[in-house]
């Protein structure tokens, strides 16, 4: 089997920097067309520039992933520009420097752990594998690519 993602369309949220950028670049290396969604449109545009300079296809969209209307609009723009979305990487989020179980109610709903440990390439390799045909037999799995940190740790 091959790792090729040719003819696939990926949305990577929070791809204007860090782990999201690494994932977007890796998916593009594997021939997926990539929609780079980020609150920071300049960062998203920089990621797209990196992808197109290496011969890939990508678009940048400024998206607030906590806004359902913005998500719907971005999905429609993505489908119009690149085709049917076949890969979704929900990477956008924040993570305060505290144990997960110590989050207050106000932070709980907006917290998705990202950019904690490791390098963007560490996460990107796992995502590229999961999006490939090599992982076609896997369903409903959680793979913790977190360097050993887990929810509730000190």
Protein backbone atom coordinates (compact mmCIF):
# COMPACT_ATOMS: atom_id res chain seq x y z
CA UNK A 1 0.00 0.00 0.00
CA UNK A 2 0.98 3.59 -0.51
CA UNK A 3 0.69 6.63 1.68
CA UNK A 4 -0.64 8.71 -1.21
CA UNK A 5 -3.59 10.95 -0.43
CA UNK A 6 -4.06 11.96 -4.05
CA UNK A 7 -7.64 13.01 -4.86
CA UNK A 8 -8.36 13.59 -1.16
CA UNK A 9 -9.30 16.96 0.37
CA UNK A 10 -8.20 17.75 3.91
CA UNK A 11 -9.35 20.46 6.29
CA UNK A 12 -6.84 21.21 9.04
CA UNK A 13 -8.05 23.61 11.71
CA UNK A 14 -5.48 25.72 13.52
CA UNK A 15 -3.05 25.20 10.65
CA UNK A 16 -1.65 28.72 10.61
CA UNK A 17 1.24 27.64 12.85
CA UNK A 18 2.68 24.89 15.01
CA UNK A 19 1.26 21.39 14.94
CA UNK A 20 -1.53 22.32 12.54
CA UNK A 21 0.97 23.73 10.07
CA UNK A 22 3.06 20.58 10.32
CA UNK A 23 -0.01 18.41 9.68
CA UNK A 24 -1.12 20.51 6.70
CA UNK A 25 2.34 20.36 5.14
CA UNK A 26 2.60 16.59 5.67
CA UNK A 27 -0.81 15.93 4.13
CA UNK A 28 0.16 18.10 1.15
CA UNK A 29 3.43 16.17 0.79
CA UNK A 30 1.27 13.06 0.56
CA UNK A 31 -0.67 14.73 -2.29
CA UNK A 32 -3.86 15.83 -0.48
CA UNK A 33 -5.37 19.21 -1.35
CA UNK A 34 -5.46 21.13 1.94
CA UNK A 35 -7.81 23.78 3.34
CA UNK A 36 -5.90 25.67 6.01
CA UNK A 37 -8.38 27.05 8.56
CA UNK A 38 -7.13 29.41 11.26
CA UNK A 39 -8.23 32.47 13.21
CA UNK A 40 -4.97 34.04 12.04
CA UNK A 41 -5.51 34.45 8.29
CA UNK A 42 -1.93 35.70 7.81
CA UNK A 43 -0.60 32.51 9.42
CA UNK A 44 -2.93 30.41 7.28
CA UNK A 45 -1.72 32.23 4.16
CA UNK A 46 1.90 31.55 5.14
CA UNK A 47 1.12 27.84 5.50
CA UNK A 48 -0.52 27.84 2.06
CA UNK A 49 2.53 29.58 0.61
CA UNK A 50 4.76 26.83 2.03
CA UNK A 51 2.49 24.16 0.54
CA UNK A 52 2.25 25.73 -2.90
CA UNK A 53 6.01 26.34 -3.02
CA UNK A 54 6.51 22.59 -2.62
CA UNK A 55 4.05 21.91 -5.43
CA UNK A 56 0.92 21.28 -3.37
CA UNK A 57 -2.59 22.64 -3.63
CA UNK A 58 -4.07 24.59 -0.71
CA UNK A 59 -6.37 27.45 0.29
CA UNK A 60 -6.30 29.68 3.38
CA UNK A 61 -9.44 30.62 5.26
CA UNK A 62 -9.82 32.75 8.36
CA UNK A 63 -12.17 30.69 10.53
CA UNK A 64 -13.29 30.92 14.15
CA UNK A 65 -13.87 27.24 14.92
CA UNK A 66 -16.06 28.14 17.90
CA UNK A 67 -18.60 29.76 15.53
CA UNK A 68 -20.95 27.26 13.82
CA UNK A 69 -21.93 29.72 11.08
CA UNK A 70 -18.25 30.39 10.30
CA UNK A 71 -17.58 26.66 10.11
CA UNK A 72 -20.48 26.11 7.72
CA UNK A 73 -19.33 28.98 5.50
CA UNK A 74 -15.72 27.72 5.50
CA UNK A 75 -16.86 24.20 4.65
CA UNK A 76 -18.83 25.53 1.67
CA UNK A 77 -15.84 27.61 0.51
CA UNK A 78 -13.61 24.56 0.85
CA UNK A 79 -15.95 22.33 -1.14
CA UNK A 80 -16.27 24.99 -3.85
CA UNK A 81 -12.50 25.46 -4.15
CA UNK A 82 -11.18 21.93 -3.59
CA UNK A 83 -14.04 19.43 -3.74
CA UNK A 84 -15.60 17.06 -1.25
CA UNK A 85 -13.90 17.08 2.14
CA UNK A 86 -12.61 13.59 2.91
CA UNK A 87 -10.18 14.31 5.78
CA UNK A 88 -10.89 16.48 8.83
CA UNK A 89 -8.22 17.28 11.41
CA UNK A 90 -9.67 19.14 14.40
CA UNK A 91 -6.45 20.68 15.65
CA UNK A 92 -7.53 24.21 16.63
CA UNK A 93 -7.78 25.02 20.29
CA UNK A 94 -6.14 26.35 23.40
CA UNK A 95 -4.58 24.67 26.39
CA UNK A 96 -3.83 26.56 29.57
CA UNK A 97 -0.81 25.45 31.60
CA UNK A 98 -2.74 23.43 34.19
CA UNK A 99 -3.93 19.87 34.65
CA UNK A 100 -7.04 19.08 32.61
CA UNK A 101 -9.14 18.28 35.69
CA UNK A 102 -8.35 21.70 37.21
CA UNK A 103 -9.97 23.64 34.37
CA UNK A 104 -12.82 25.87 35.45
CA UNK A 105 -16.18 25.70 33.74
CA UNK A 106 -15.40 28.83 31.70
CA UNK A 107 -12.29 27.25 30.13
CA UNK A 108 -13.58 23.70 29.80
CA UNK A 109 -15.72 24.25 26.68
CA UNK A 110 -12.98 26.09 24.77
CA UNK A 111 -10.05 23.87 25.68
CA UNK A 112 -8.66 21.35 23.23
CA UNK A 113 -5.12 20.24 24.08
CA UNK A 114 -2.73 21.27 21.30
CA UNK A 115 0.89 22.45 21.14
CA UNK A 116 1.74 20.80 24.46
CA UNK A 117 4.60 18.41 23.83
CA UNK A 118 6.53 17.21 20.85
CA UNK A 119 7.09 18.77 17.48
CA UNK A 120 4.57 19.39 14.69
CA UNK A 121 6.10 16.57 12.67
CA UNK A 122 5.38 14.08 15.48
CA UNK A 123 1.64 14.64 15.23
CA UNK A 124 1.68 15.13 11.45
CA UNK A 125 3.08 11.65 10.84
CA UNK A 126 0.28 10.05 12.86
CA UNK A 127 -2.38 12.08 11.05
CA UNK A 128 -0.94 11.27 7.61
CA UNK A 129 -1.00 7.57 8.50
CA UNK A 130 -4.60 7.71 9.76
CA UNK A 131 -5.72 9.52 6.60
CA UNK A 132 -4.02 6.97 4.33
CA UNK A 133 -5.23 3.68 2.92
CA UNK A 134 -2.75 1.95 5.23
CA UNK A 135 -5.12 2.73 8.12
CA UNK A 136 -8.31 1.75 6.27
CA UNK A 137 -9.01 -1.15 8.63
CA UNK A 138 -8.81 1.06 11.74
CA UNK A 139 -12.05 2.60 12.98
CA UNK A 140 -12.97 4.49 16.12
CA UNK A 141 -9.50 4.59 17.60
CA UNK A 142 -7.91 7.15 19.88
CA UNK A 143 -4.17 7.38 19.44
CA UNK A 144 -2.49 9.46 22.12
CA UNK A 145 0.41 11.25 20.46
CA UNK A 146 1.17 13.29 23.55
CA UNK A 147 4.65 12.31 24.63
CA UNK A 148 3.31 10.40 27.64
CA UNK A 149 1.14 13.15 29.08
CA UNK A 150 -2.44 12.12 29.75
CA UNK A 151 -5.57 13.79 31.07
CA UNK A 152 -5.39 14.45 34.81
CA UNK A 153 -1.58 14.22 35.04
CA UNK A 154 0.34 16.70 37.14
